[in-house]
Amino acid sequence: MDILELLNLILSRNGYEVYLCDNGRNALDLIRKVRPHLVLLDIMLPGYDGKYIADAMARDEEMQGSSIIIVSALEASEKMFVGNAQVKDFCLKPFRTSTLLEKVKHVMGDDEENQ
């Protein structure tokens, strides 16, 4: 099972509507079209990398309403996003599914503290 299938399984089983994209160029188009509440974004993507996508989202008013969680194997990734208010959290790969789900619930306002 690849990471996209895993993320789809985790999130859809927990009631989230999921859209998948495996490259940066298509991701920007999909984000503009869907206007998701949350984007799980890897740094290393074909086409546009995650840093480029996050910066493009910050510059585009239509995409500024989406929060971002960076899901990356790059430990230094947090430093790349200093100053980007849309980046709400980081999840280092490999991750525990429970940890990722906690972060998603928190950013989406679905955690127990917000109920």
PDB file of N, CA and C in Angstrom:
ATOM      1  N   MET A   1       0.853  -1.182   0.000  1.00  0.00           N
ATOM      2  CA  MET A   1       0.000   0.000   0.000  1.00  0.00           C
ATOM      3  C   MET A   1       0.896   1.241   0.000  1.00  0.00           C
ATOM      4  N   ASP A   2       0.638   2.172  -0.911  1.00  0.00           N
ATOM      5  CA  ASP A   2       1.449   3.386  -0.937  1.00  0.00           C
ATOM      6  C   ASP A   2       0.837   4.444  -0.003  1.00  0.00           C
ATOM      7  N   ILE A   3       1.555   5.526   0.151  1.00  0.00           N
ATOM      8  CA  ILE A   3       1.158   6.565   1.114  1.00  0.00           C
ATOM      9  C   ILE A   3      -0.197   7.180   0.771  1.00  0.00           C
ATOM     10  N   LEU A   4      -0.487   7.385  -0.503  1.00  0.00           N
ATOM     11  CA  LEU A   4      -1.778   7.965  -0.869  1.00  0.00           C
ATOM     12  C   LEU A   4      -2.931   7.034  -0.499  1.00  0.00           C
ATOM     13  N   GLU A   5      -2.752   5.744  -0.756  1.00  0.00           N
ATOM     14  CA  GLU A   5      -3.789   4.783  -0.385  1.00  0.00           C
ATOM     15  C   GLU A   5      -3.982   4.746   1.124  1.00  0.00           C
ATOM     16  N   LEU A   6      -2.883   4.797   1.855  1.00  0.00           N
ATOM     17  CA  LEU A   6      -2.956   4.786   3.317  1.00  0.00           C
ATOM     18  C   LEU A   6      -3.684   6.022   3.841  1.00  0.00           C
ATOM     19  N   LEU A   7      -3.310   7.187   3.336  1.00  0.00           N
ATOM     20  CA  LEU A   7      -3.972   8.423   3.773  1.00  0.00           C
ATOM     21  C   LEU A   7      -5.455   8.392   3.438  1.00  0.00           C
ATOM     22  N   ASN A   8      -5.792   7.917   2.247  1.00  0.00           N
ATOM     23  CA  ASN A   8      -7.190   7.820   1.846  1.00  0.00           C
ATOM     24  C   ASN A   8      -7.946   6.908   2.802  1.00  0.00           C
ATOM     25  N   LEU A   9      -7.373   5.769   3.121  1.00  0.00           N
ATOM     26  CA  LEU A   9      -8.009   4.807   4.018  1.00  0.00           C
ATOM     27  C   LEU A   9      -8.219   5.402   5.411  1.00  0.00           C
ATOM     28  N   ILE A  10      -7.179   5.995   5.974  1.00  0.00           N
ATOM     29  CA  ILE A  10      -7.257   6.572   7.329  1.00  0.00           C
ATOM     30  C   ILE A  10      -8.323   7.660   7.384  1.00  0.00           C
ATOM     31  N   LEU A  11      -8.262   8.589   6.446  1.00  0.00           N
ATOM     32  CA  LEU A  11      -9.141   9.755   6.506  1.00  0.00           C
ATOM     33  C   LEU A  11     -10.582   9.423   6.122  1.00  0.00           C
ATOM     34  N   SER A  12     -10.775   8.635   5.094  1.00  0.00           N
ATOM     35  CA  SER A  12     -12.149   8.311   4.688  1.00  0.00           C
ATOM     36  C   SER A  12     -12.848   7.461   5.748  1.00  0.00           C
ATOM     37  N   ARG A  13     -12.132   6.578   6.404  1.00  0.00           N
ATOM     38  CA  ARG A  13     -12.722   5.771   7.486  1.00  0.00           C
ATOM     39  C   ARG A  13     -13.118   6.630   8.688  1.00  0.00           C
ATOM     40  N   ASN A  14     -12.548   7.807   8.764  1.00  0.00           N
ATOM     41  CA  ASN A  14     -12.874   8.708   9.870  1.00  0.00           C
ATOM     42  C   ASN A  14     -13.802   9.840   9.435  1.00  0.00           C
ATOM     43  N   GLY A  15     -14.449   9.659   8.304  1.00  0.00           N
ATOM     44  CA  GLY A  15     -15.495  10.572   7.881  1.00  0.00           C
ATOM     45  C   GLY A  15     -15.066  11.771   7.065  1.00  0.00           C
ATOM     46  N   TYR A  16     -13.824  11.815   6.650  1.00  0.00           N
ATOM     47  CA  TYR A  16     -13.350  12.943   5.861  1.00  0.00           C
ATOM     48  C   TYR A  16     -13.503  12.665   4.370  1.00  0.00           C
ATOM     49  N   GLU A  17     -13.860  13.706   3.640  1.00  0.00           N
ATOM     50  CA  GLU A  17     -13.902  13.621   2.183  1.00  0.00           C
ATOM     51  C   GLU A  17     -12.477  13.818   1.681  1.00  0.00           C
ATOM     52  N   VAL A  18     -11.994  12.905   0.872  1.00  0.00           N
ATOM     53  CA  VAL A  18     -10.590  12.889   0.480  1.00  0.00           C
ATOM     54  C   VAL A  18     -10.453  13.024  -1.034  1.00  0.00           C
ATOM     55  N   TYR A  19      -9.534  13.879  -1.448  1.00  0.00           N
ATOM     56  CA  TYR A  19      -9.135  14.016  -2.845  1.00  0.00           C
ATOM     57  C   TYR A  19      -7.647  13.728  -2.893  1.00  0.00           C
ATOM     58  N   LEU A  20      -7.220  12.910  -3.824  1.00  0.00           N
ATOM     59  CA  LEU A  20      -5.824  12.514  -3.907  1.00  0.00           C
ATOM     60  C   LEU A  20      -5.167  13.080  -5.147  1.00  0.00           C
ATOM     61  N   CYS A  21      -3.888  13.376  -5.015  1.00  0.00           N
ATOM     62  CA  CYS A  21      -3.118  13.862  -6.149  1.00  0.00           C
ATOM     63  C   CYS A  21      -1.672  13.424  -5.934  1.00  0.00           C
ATOM     64  N   ASP A  22      -1.051  12.910  -6.984  1.00  0.00           N
ATOM     65  CA  ASP A  22       0.299  12.380  -6.825  1.00  0.00           C
ATOM     66  C   ASP A  22       1.390  13.247  -7.449  1.00  0.00           C
ATOM     67  N   ASN A  23       1.038  14.467  -7.866  1.00  0.00           N
ATOM     68  CA  ASN A  23       2.083  15.367  -8.368  1.00  0.00           C
ATOM     69  C   ASN A  23       1.700  16.823  -8.115  1.00  0.00           C
ATOM     70  N   GLY A  24       2.714  17.656  -8.050  1.00  0.00           N
ATOM     71  CA  GLY A  24       2.523  19.045  -7.678  1.00  0.00           C
ATOM     72  C   GLY A  24       1.734  19.886  -8.658  1.00  0.00           C
ATOM     73  N   ARG A  25       1.926  19.674  -9.920  1.00  0.00           N
ATOM     74  CA  ARG A  25       1.203  20.479 -10.921  1.00  0.00           C
ATOM     75  C   ARG A  25      -0.303  20.248 -10.813  1.00  0.00           C
ATOM     76  N   ASN A  26      -0.697  18.992 -10.748  1.00  0.00           N
ATOM     77  CA  ASN A  26      -2.122  18.689 -10.632  1.00  0.00           C
ATOM     78  C   ASN A  26      -2.677  19.076  -9.265  1.00  0.00           C
ATOM     79  N   ALA A  27      -1.837  19.046  -8.249  1.00  0.00           N
ATOM     80  CA  ALA A  27      -2.284  19.396  -6.906  1.00  0.00           C
ATOM     81  C   ALA A  27      -2.781  20.842  -6.850  1.00  0.00           C
ATOM     82  N   LEU A  28      -2.046  21.757  -7.451  1.00  0.00           N
ATOM     83  CA  LEU A  28      -2.483  23.156  -7.438  1.00  0.00           C
ATOM     84  C   LEU A  28      -3.830  23.326  -8.135  1.00  0.00           C
ATOM     85  N   ASP A  29      -4.005  22.665  -9.257  1.00  0.00           N
ATOM     86  CA  ASP A  29      -5.290  22.741  -9.961  1.00  0.00           C
ATOM     87  C   ASP A  29      -6.414  22.171  -9.102  1.00  0.00           C
ATOM     88  N   LEU A  30      -6.155  21.044  -8.450  1.00  0.00           N
ATOM     89  CA  LEU A  30      -7.163  20.416  -7.608  1.00  0.00           C
ATOM     90  C   LEU A  30      -7.506  21.287  -6.404  1.00  0.00           C
ATOM     91  N   ILE A  31      -6.513  21.896  -5.795  1.00  0.00           N
ATOM     92  CA  ILE A  31      -6.749  22.776  -4.640  1.00  0.00           C
ATOM     93  C   ILE A  31      -7.592  23.975  -5.058  1.00  0.00           C
ATOM     94  N   ARG A  32      -7.290  24.558  -6.202  1.00  0.00           N
ATOM     95  CA  ARG A  32      -8.091  25.690  -6.702  1.00  0.00           C
ATOM     96  C   ARG A  32      -9.538  25.272  -6.956  1.00  0.00           C
ATOM     97  N   LYS A  33      -9.721  24.075  -7.501  1.00  0.00           N
ATOM     98  CA  LYS A  33     -11.056  23.589  -7.847  1.00  0.00           C
ATOM     99  C   LYS A  33     -11.877  23.208  -6.612  1.00  0.00           C
ATOM    100  N   VAL A  34     -11.281  22.451  -5.710  1.00  0.00           N
ATOM    101  CA  VAL A  34     -12.002  21.897  -4.560  1.00  0.00           C
ATOM    102  C   VAL A  34     -12.075  22.881  -3.387  1.00  0.00           C
ATOM    103  N   ARG A  35     -11.034  23.681  -3.215  1.00  0.00           N
ATOM    104  CA  ARG A  35     -10.899  24.590  -2.070  1.00  0.00           C
ATOM    105  C   ARG A  35     -11.074  23.844  -0.746  1.00  0.00           C
ATOM    106  N   PRO A  36     -10.183  22.889  -0.492  1.00  0.00           N
ATOM    107  CA  PRO A  36     -10.310  22.063   0.714  1.00  0.00           C
ATOM    108  C   PRO A  36     -10.027  22.851   1.986  1.00  0.00           C
ATOM    109  N   HIS A  37     -10.559  22.357   3.077  1.00  0.00           N
ATOM    110  CA  HIS A  37     -10.261  22.956   4.382  1.00  0.00           C
ATOM    111  C   HIS A  37      -8.822  22.659   4.780  1.00  0.00           C
ATOM    112  N   LEU A  38      -8.339  21.474   4.382  1.00  0.00           N
ATOM    113  CA  LEU A  38      -7.012  21.022   4.786  1.00  0.00           C
ATOM    114  C   LEU A  38      -6.311  20.325   3.624  1.00  0.00           C
ATOM    115  N   VAL A  39      -5.022  20.623   3.479  1.00  0.00           N
ATOM    116  CA  VAL A  39      -4.176  19.964   2.485  1.00  0.00           C
ATOM    117  C   VAL A  39      -3.050  19.260   3.239  1.00  0.00           C
ATOM    118  N   LEU A  40      -2.928  17.949   3.028  1.00  0.00           N
ATOM    119  CA  LEU A  40      -1.772  17.211   3.529  1.00  0.00           C
ATOM    120  C   LEU A  40      -0.751  17.251   2.409  1.00  0.00           C
ATOM    121  N   LEU A  41       0.386  17.838   2.693  1.00  0.00           N
ATOM    122  CA  LEU A  41       1.337  18.172   1.635  1.00  0.00           C
ATOM    123  C   LEU A  41       2.716  17.590   1.917  1.00  0.00           C
ATOM    124  N   ASP A  42       3.221  16.831   0.983  1.00  0.00           N
ATOM    125  CA  ASP A  42       4.584  16.316   1.068  1.00  0.00           C
ATOM    126  C   ASP A  42       5.517  17.341   0.433  1.00  0.00           C
ATOM    127  N   ILE A  43       6.770  17.318   0.807  1.00  0.00           N
ATOM    128  CA  ILE A  43       7.758  18.232   0.223  1.00  0.00           C
ATOM    129  C   ILE A  43       8.207  17.715  -1.138  1.00  0.00           C
ATOM    130  N   MET A  44       8.495  16.427  -1.196  1.00  0.00           N
ATOM    131  CA  MET A  44       9.100  15.853  -2.386  1.00  0.00           C
ATOM    132  C   MET A  44       8.014  15.292  -3.297  1.00  0.00           C
ATOM    133  N   LEU A  45       7.627  16.101  -4.263  1.00  0.00           N
ATOM    134  CA  LEU A  45       6.609  15.726  -5.234  1.00  0.00           C
ATOM    135  C   LEU A  45       7.149  15.960  -6.638  1.00  0.00           C
ATOM    136  N   PRO A  46       6.722  15.158  -7.587  1.00  0.00           N
ATOM    137  CA  PRO A  46       7.100  15.463  -8.970  1.00  0.00           C
ATOM    138  C   PRO A  46       6.344  16.700  -9.458  1.00  0.00           C
ATOM    139  N   GLY A  47       6.903  17.392 -10.414  1.00  0.00           N
ATOM    140  CA  GLY A  47       6.285  18.628 -10.890  1.00  0.00           C
ATOM    141  C   GLY A  47       6.696  19.767  -9.976  1.00  0.00           C
ATOM    142  N   TYR A  48       5.757  20.289  -9.239  1.00  0.00           N
ATOM    143  CA  TYR A  48       6.061  21.323  -8.234  1.00  0.00           C
ATOM    144  C   TYR A  48       6.261  20.639  -6.898  1.00  0.00           C
ATOM    145  N   ASP A  49       7.286  21.071  -6.147  1.00  0.00           N
ATOM    146  CA  ASP A  49       7.477  20.483  -4.825  1.00  0.00           C
ATOM    147  C   ASP A  49       6.546  21.142  -3.806  1.00  0.00           C
ATOM    148  N   GLY A  50       6.509  20.576  -2.616  1.00  0.00           N
ATOM    149  CA  GLY A  50       5.597  21.057  -1.582  1.00  0.00           C
ATOM    150  C   GLY A  50       5.836  22.496  -1.168  1.00  0.00           C
ATOM    151  N   LYS A  51       7.069  22.925  -1.160  1.00  0.00           N
ATOM    152  CA  LYS A  51       7.384  24.319  -0.807  1.00  0.00           C
ATOM    153  C   LYS A  51       6.783  25.268  -1.845  1.00  0.00           C
ATOM    154  N   TYR A  52       6.924  24.925  -3.121  1.00  0.00           N
ATOM    155  CA  TYR A  52       6.360  25.748  -4.187  1.00  0.00           C
ATOM    156  C   TYR A  52       4.836  25.819  -4.046  1.00  0.00           C
ATOM    157  N   ILE A  53       4.202  24.689  -3.770  1.00  0.00           N
ATOM    158  CA  ILE A  53       2.745  24.651  -3.631  1.00  0.00           C
ATOM    159  C   ILE A  53       2.287  25.498  -2.446  1.00  0.00           C
ATOM    160  N   ALA A  54       2.943  25.353  -1.309  1.00  0.00           N
ATOM    161  CA  ALA A  54       2.573  26.142  -0.128  1.00  0.00           C
ATOM    162  C   ALA A  54       2.738  27.633  -0.391  1.00  0.00           C
ATOM    163  N   ASP A  55       3.819  28.010  -1.048  1.00  0.00           N
ATOM    164  CA  ASP A  55       4.036  29.426  -1.382  1.00  0.00           C
ATOM    165  C   ASP A  55       2.978  29.926  -2.366  1.00  0.00           C
ATOM    166  N   ALA A  56       2.630  29.112  -3.352  1.00  0.00           N
ATOM    167  CA  ALA A  56       1.591  29.489  -4.313  1.00  0.00           C
ATOM    168  C   ALA A  56       0.237  29.645  -3.616  1.00  0.00           C
ATOM    169  N   MET A  57      -0.041  28.771  -2.676  1.00  0.00           N
ATOM    170  CA  MET A  57      -1.290  28.871  -1.922  1.00  0.00           C
ATOM    171  C   MET A  57      -1.339  30.155  -1.096  1.00  0.00           C
ATOM    172  N   ALA A  58      -0.213  30.532  -0.535  1.00  0.00           N
ATOM    173  CA  ALA A  58      -0.150  31.753   0.284  1.00  0.00           C
ATOM    174  C   ALA A  58      -0.351  33.007  -0.563  1.00  0.00           C
ATOM    175  N   ARG A  59       0.044  32.961  -1.829  1.00  0.00           N
ATOM    176  CA  ARG A  59      -0.084  34.126  -2.715  1.00  0.00           C
ATOM    177  C   ARG A  59      -1.460  34.238  -3.370  1.00  0.00           C
ATOM    178  N   ASP A  60      -2.211  33.159  -3.415  1.00  0.00           N
ATOM    179  CA  ASP A  60      -3.476  33.115  -4.140  1.00  0.00           C
ATOM    180  C   ASP A  60      -4.649  33.215  -3.170  1.00  0.00           C
ATOM    181  N   GLU A  61      -5.415  34.301  -3.256  1.00  0.00           N
ATOM    182  CA  GLU A  61      -6.518  34.528  -2.322  1.00  0.00           C
ATOM    183  C   GLU A  61      -7.500  33.369  -2.276  1.00  0.00           C
ATOM    184  N   GLU A  62      -7.725  32.718  -3.408  1.00  0.00           N
ATOM    185  CA  GLU A  62      -8.676  31.607  -3.455  1.00  0.00           C
ATOM    186  C   GLU A  62      -8.188  30.393  -2.669  1.00  0.00           C
ATOM    187  N   MET A  63      -6.888  30.286  -2.472  1.00  0.00           N
ATOM    188  CA  MET A  63      -6.342  29.132  -1.757  1.00  0.00           C
ATOM    189  C   MET A  63      -5.896  29.467  -0.339  1.00  0.00           C
ATOM    190  N   GLN A  64      -6.010  30.727   0.056  1.00  0.00           N
ATOM    191  CA  GLN A  64      -5.536  31.124   1.377  1.00  0.00           C
ATOM    192  C   GLN A  64      -6.386  30.589   2.520  1.00  0.00           C
ATOM    193  N   GLY A  65      -7.588  30.122   2.237  1.00  0.00           N
ATOM    194  CA  GLY A  65      -8.451  29.589   3.284  1.00  0.00           C
ATOM    195  C   GLY A  65      -8.144  28.159   3.665  1.00  0.00           C
ATOM    196  N   SER A  66      -7.277  27.501   2.932  1.00  0.00           N
ATOM    197  CA  SER A  66      -6.929  26.112   3.218  1.00  0.00           C
ATOM    198  C   SER A  66      -5.760  26.036   4.192  1.00  0.00           C
ATOM    199  N   SER A  67      -5.919  25.215   5.224  1.00  0.00           N
ATOM    200  CA  SER A  67      -4.811  24.934   6.135  1.00  0.00           C
ATOM    201  C   SER A  67      -3.950  23.839   5.537  1.00  0.00           C
ATOM    202  N   ILE A  68      -2.708  23.746   6.015  1.00  0.00           N
ATOM    203  CA  ILE A  68      -1.761  22.761   5.499  1.00  0.00           C
ATOM    204  C   ILE A  68      -1.126  22.010   6.661  1.00  0.00           C
ATOM    205  N   ILE A  69      -1.018  20.700   6.511  1.00  0.00           N
ATOM    206  CA  ILE A  69      -0.156  19.882   7.368  1.00  0.00           C
ATOM    207  C   ILE A  69       0.909  19.303   6.447  1.00  0.00           C
ATOM    208  N   ILE A  70       2.164  19.546   6.783  1.00  0.00           N
ATOM    209  CA  ILE A  70       3.272  19.001   6.015  1.00  0.00           C
ATOM    210  C   ILE A  70       3.525  17.571   6.492  1.00  0.00           C
ATOM    211  N   VAL A  71       3.511  16.636   5.555  1.00  0.00           N
ATOM    212  CA  VAL A  71       3.795  15.226   5.830  1.00  0.00           C
ATOM    213  C   VAL A  71       5.056  14.896   5.047  1.00  0.00           C
ATOM    214  N   SER A  72       6.169  14.769   5.755  1.00  0.00           N
ATOM    215  CA  SER A  72       7.445  14.656   5.054  1.00  0.00           C
ATOM    216  C   SER A  72       8.436  13.774   5.814  1.00  0.00           C
ATOM    217  N   ALA A  73       9.347  13.185   5.072  1.00  0.00           N
ATOM    218  CA  ALA A  73      10.451  12.436   5.675  1.00  0.00           C
ATOM    219  C   ALA A  73      11.640  13.357   5.963  1.00  0.00           C
ATOM    220  N   LEU A  74      11.559  14.603   5.512  1.00  0.00           N
ATOM    221  CA  LEU A  74      12.650  15.561   5.729  1.00  0.00           C
ATOM    222  C   LEU A  74      12.512  16.202   7.101  1.00  0.00           C
ATOM    223  N   GLU A  75      13.403  15.856   8.007  1.00  0.00           N
ATOM    224  CA  GLU A  75      13.316  16.369   9.372  1.00  0.00           C
ATOM    225  C   GLU A  75      13.432  17.893   9.430  1.00  0.00           C
ATOM    226  N   ALA A  76      14.152  18.481   8.512  1.00  0.00           N
ATOM    227  CA  ALA A  76      14.359  19.930   8.522  1.00  0.00           C
ATOM    228  C   ALA A  76      13.223  20.689   7.836  1.00  0.00           C
ATOM    229  N   SER A  77      12.138  20.002   7.490  1.00  0.00           N
ATOM    230  CA  SER A  77      11.072  20.647   6.716  1.00  0.00           C
ATOM    231  C   SER A  77      10.396  21.798   7.456  1.00  0.00           C
ATOM    232  N   GLU A  78      10.338  21.733   8.769  1.00  0.00           N
ATOM    233  CA  GLU A  78       9.677  22.815   9.510  1.00  0.00           C
ATOM    234  C   GLU A  78      10.321  24.166   9.233  1.00  0.00           C
ATOM    235  N   LYS A  79      11.630  24.189   9.103  1.00  0.00           N
ATOM    236  CA  LYS A  79      12.343  25.443   8.857  1.00  0.00           C
ATOM    237  C   LYS A  79      11.965  26.052   7.513  1.00  0.00           C
ATOM    238  N   MET A  80      11.574  25.218   6.557  1.00  0.00           N
ATOM    239  CA  MET A  80      11.231  25.693   5.218  1.00  0.00           C
ATOM    240  C   MET A  80       9.934  26.505   5.207  1.00  0.00           C
ATOM    241  N   PHE A  81       9.105  26.340   6.231  1.00  0.00           N
ATOM    242  CA  PHE A  81       7.777  26.936   6.208  1.00  0.00           C
ATOM    243  C   PHE A  81       7.577  28.006   7.280  1.00  0.00           C
ATOM    244  N   VAL A  82       8.662  28.456   7.878  1.00  0.00           N
ATOM    245  CA  VAL A  82       8.568  29.536   8.857  1.00  0.00           C
ATOM    246  C   VAL A  82       7.939  30.746   8.173  1.00  0.00           C
ATOM    247  N   GLY A  83       6.936  31.318   8.795  1.00  0.00           N
ATOM    248  CA  GLY A  83       6.277  32.488   8.236  1.00  0.00           C
ATOM    249  C   GLY A  83       5.065  32.167   7.380  1.00  0.00           C
ATOM    250  N   ASN A  84       4.824  30.904   7.064  1.00  0.00           N
ATOM    251  CA  ASN A  84       3.634  30.540   6.291  1.00  0.00           C
ATOM    252  C   ASN A  84       2.528  30.184   7.278  1.00  0.00           C
ATOM    253  N   ALA A  85       1.581  31.098   7.451  1.00  0.00           N
ATOM    254  CA  ALA A  85       0.517  30.933   8.439  1.00  0.00           C
ATOM    255  C   ALA A  85      -0.426  29.780   8.119  1.00  0.00           C
ATOM    256  N   GLN A  86      -0.468  29.344   6.879  1.00  0.00           N
ATOM    257  CA  GLN A  86      -1.354  28.247   6.506  1.00  0.00           C
ATOM    258  C   GLN A  86      -0.832  26.901   6.999  1.00  0.00           C
ATOM    259  N   VAL A  87       0.475  26.797   7.227  1.00  0.00           N
ATOM    260  CA  VAL A  87       1.062  25.552   7.706  1.00  0.00           C
ATOM    261  C   VAL A  87       0.803  25.461   9.203  1.00  0.00           C
ATOM    262  N   LYS A  88      -0.102  24.568   9.560  1.00  0.00           N
ATOM    263  CA  LYS A  88      -0.565  24.452  10.945  1.00  0.00           C
ATOM    264  C   LYS A  88       0.165  23.388  11.743  1.00  0.00           C
ATOM    265  N   ASP A  89       0.755  22.390  11.038  1.00  0.00           N
ATOM    266  CA  ASP A  89       1.419  21.309  11.761  1.00  0.00           C
ATOM    267  C   ASP A  89       2.331  20.545  10.808  1.00  0.00           C
ATOM    268  N   PHE A  90       3.115  19.650  11.395  1.00  0.00           N
ATOM    269  CA  PHE A  90       4.042  18.810  10.659  1.00  0.00           C
ATOM    270  C   PHE A  90       3.902  17.382  11.150  1.00  0.00           C
ATOM    271  N   CYS A  91       4.031  16.443  10.242  1.00  0.00           N
ATOM    272  CA  CYS A  91       3.971  15.029  10.585  1.00  0.00           C
ATOM    273  C   CYS A  91       5.126  14.340   9.876  1.00  0.00           C
ATOM    274  N   LEU A  92       6.085  13.884  10.642  1.00  0.00           N
ATOM    275  CA  LEU A  92       7.290  13.284  10.085  1.00  0.00           C
ATOM    276  C   LEU A  92       7.014  11.831   9.684  1.00  0.00           C
ATOM    277  N   LYS A  93       7.414  11.477   8.453  1.00  0.00           N
ATOM    278  CA  LYS A  93       7.294  10.095   7.986  1.00  0.00           C
ATOM    279  C   LYS A  93       8.532   9.319   8.421  1.00  0.00           C
ATOM    280  N   PRO A  94       8.391   8.072   8.777  1.00  0.00           N
ATOM    281  CA  PRO A  94       7.137   7.329   8.894  1.00  0.00           C
ATOM    282  C   PRO A  94       6.363   7.802  10.123  1.00  0.00           C
ATOM    283  N   PHE A  95       5.060   7.778  10.029  1.00  0.00           N
ATOM    284  CA  PHE A  95       4.215   8.266  11.119  1.00  0.00           C
ATOM    285  C   PHE A  95       3.275   7.172  11.600  1.00  0.00           C
ATOM    286  N   ARG A  96       2.786   7.358  12.814  1.00  0.00           N
ATOM    287  CA  ARG A  96       1.730   6.493  13.331  1.00  0.00           C
ATOM    288  C   ARG A  96       0.414   7.053  12.815  1.00  0.00           C
ATOM    289  N   THR A  97      -0.453   6.184  12.376  1.00  0.00           N
ATOM    290  CA  THR A  97      -1.733   6.660  11.853  1.00  0.00           C
ATOM    291  C   THR A  97      -2.501   7.440  12.908  1.00  0.00           C
ATOM    292  N   SER A  98      -2.406   7.032  14.162  1.00  0.00           N
ATOM    293  CA  SER A  98      -3.117   7.742  15.230  1.00  0.00           C
ATOM    294  C   SER A  98      -2.577   9.163  15.399  1.00  0.00           C
ATOM    295  N   THR A  99      -1.282   9.347  15.225  1.00  0.00           N
ATOM    296  CA  THR A  99      -0.678  10.677  15.345  1.00  0.00           C
ATOM    297  C   THR A  99      -1.159  11.580  14.217  1.00  0.00           C
ATOM    298  N   LEU A 100      -1.135  11.065  13.001  1.00  0.00           N
ATOM    299  CA  LEU A 100      -1.602  11.859  11.868  1.00  0.00           C
ATOM    300  C   LEU A 100      -3.066  12.225  12.049  1.00  0.00           C
ATOM    301  N   LEU A 101      -3.873  11.279  12.452  1.00  0.00           N
ATOM    302  CA  LEU A 101      -5.301  11.535  12.622  1.00  0.00           C
ATOM    303  C   LEU A 101      -5.548  12.576  13.716  1.00  0.00           C
ATOM    304  N   GLU A 102      -4.785  12.524  14.796  1.00  0.00           N
ATOM    305  CA  GLU A 102      -4.896  13.544  15.853  1.00  0.00           C
ATOM    306  C   GLU A 102      -4.604  14.932  15.294  1.00  0.00           C
ATOM    307  N   LYS A 103      -3.564  15.039  14.494  1.00  0.00           N
ATOM    308  CA  LYS A 103      -3.189  16.331  13.915  1.00  0.00           C
ATOM    309  C   LYS A 103      -4.276  16.839  12.962  1.00  0.00           C
ATOM    310  N   VAL A 104      -4.811  15.954  12.138  1.00  0.00           N
ATOM    311  CA  VAL A 104      -5.881  16.337  11.215  1.00  0.00           C
ATOM    312  C   VAL A 104      -7.103  16.809  12.004  1.00  0.00           C
ATOM    313  N   LYS A 105      -7.506  16.042  12.997  1.00  0.00           N
ATOM    314  CA  LYS A 105      -8.674  16.415  13.800  1.00  0.00           C
ATOM    315  C   LYS A 105      -8.475  17.765  14.478  1.00  0.00           C
ATOM    316  N   HIS A 106      -7.265  17.988  14.975  1.00  0.00           N
ATOM    317  CA  HIS A 106      -6.988  19.268  15.635  1.00  0.00           C
ATOM    318  C   HIS A 106      -7.090  20.442  14.661  1.00  0.00           C
ATOM    319  N   VAL A 107      -6.442  20.327  13.531  1.00  0.00           N
ATOM    320  CA  VAL A 107      -6.463  21.408  12.546  1.00  0.00           C
ATOM    321  C   VAL A 107      -7.886  21.636  11.998  1.00  0.00           C
ATOM    322  N   MET A 108      -8.642  20.565  11.831  1.00  0.00           N
ATOM    323  CA  MET A 108     -10.007  20.661  11.327  1.00  0.00           C
ATOM    324  C   MET A 108     -10.997  21.102  12.398  1.00  0.00           C
ATOM    325  N   GLY A 109     -10.543  21.161  13.651  1.00  0.00           N
ATOM    326  CA  GLY A 109     -11.436  21.544  14.745  1.00  0.00           C
ATOM    327  C   GLY A 109     -12.340  20.415  15.187  1.00  0.00           C
ATOM    328  N   ASP A 110     -11.934  19.177  14.884  1.00  0.00           N
ATOM    329  CA  ASP A 110     -12.729  18.014  15.224  1.00  0.00           C
ATOM    330  C   ASP A 110     -12.198  17.283  16.454  1.00  0.00           C
ATOM    331  N   ASP A 111     -11.226  17.857  17.134  1.00  0.00           N
ATOM    332  CA  ASP A 111     -10.702  17.162  18.313  1.00  0.00           C
ATOM    333  C   ASP A 111     -11.640  17.385  19.490  1.00  0.00           C
ATOM    334  N   GLU A 112     -11.461  16.615  20.533  1.00  0.00           N
ATOM    335  CA  GLU A 112     -12.365  16.632  21.681  1.00  0.00           C
ATOM    336  C   GLU A 112     -12.442  17.998  22.357  1.00  0.00           C
ATOM    337  N   GLU A 113     -11.352  18.755  22.324  1.00  0.00           N
ATOM    338  CA  GLU A 113     -11.333  20.061  22.984  1.00  0.00           C
ATOM    339  C   GLU A 113     -12.304  21.037  22.329  1.00  0.00           C
ATOM    340  N   ASN A 114     -12.590  20.851  21.047  1.00  0.00           N
ATOM    341  CA  ASN A 114     -13.450  21.777  20.313  1.00  0.00           C
ATOM    342  C   ASN A 114     -14.900  21.320  20.243  1.00  0.00           C
ATOM    343  N   GLN A 115     -15.237  20.231  20.925  1.00  0.00           N
ATOM    344  CA  GLN A 115     -16.604  19.724  20.850  1.00  0.00           C
ATOM    345  C   GLN A 115     -17.375  20.051  22.108  1.00  0.00           C
TER     346      GLN A 115
END
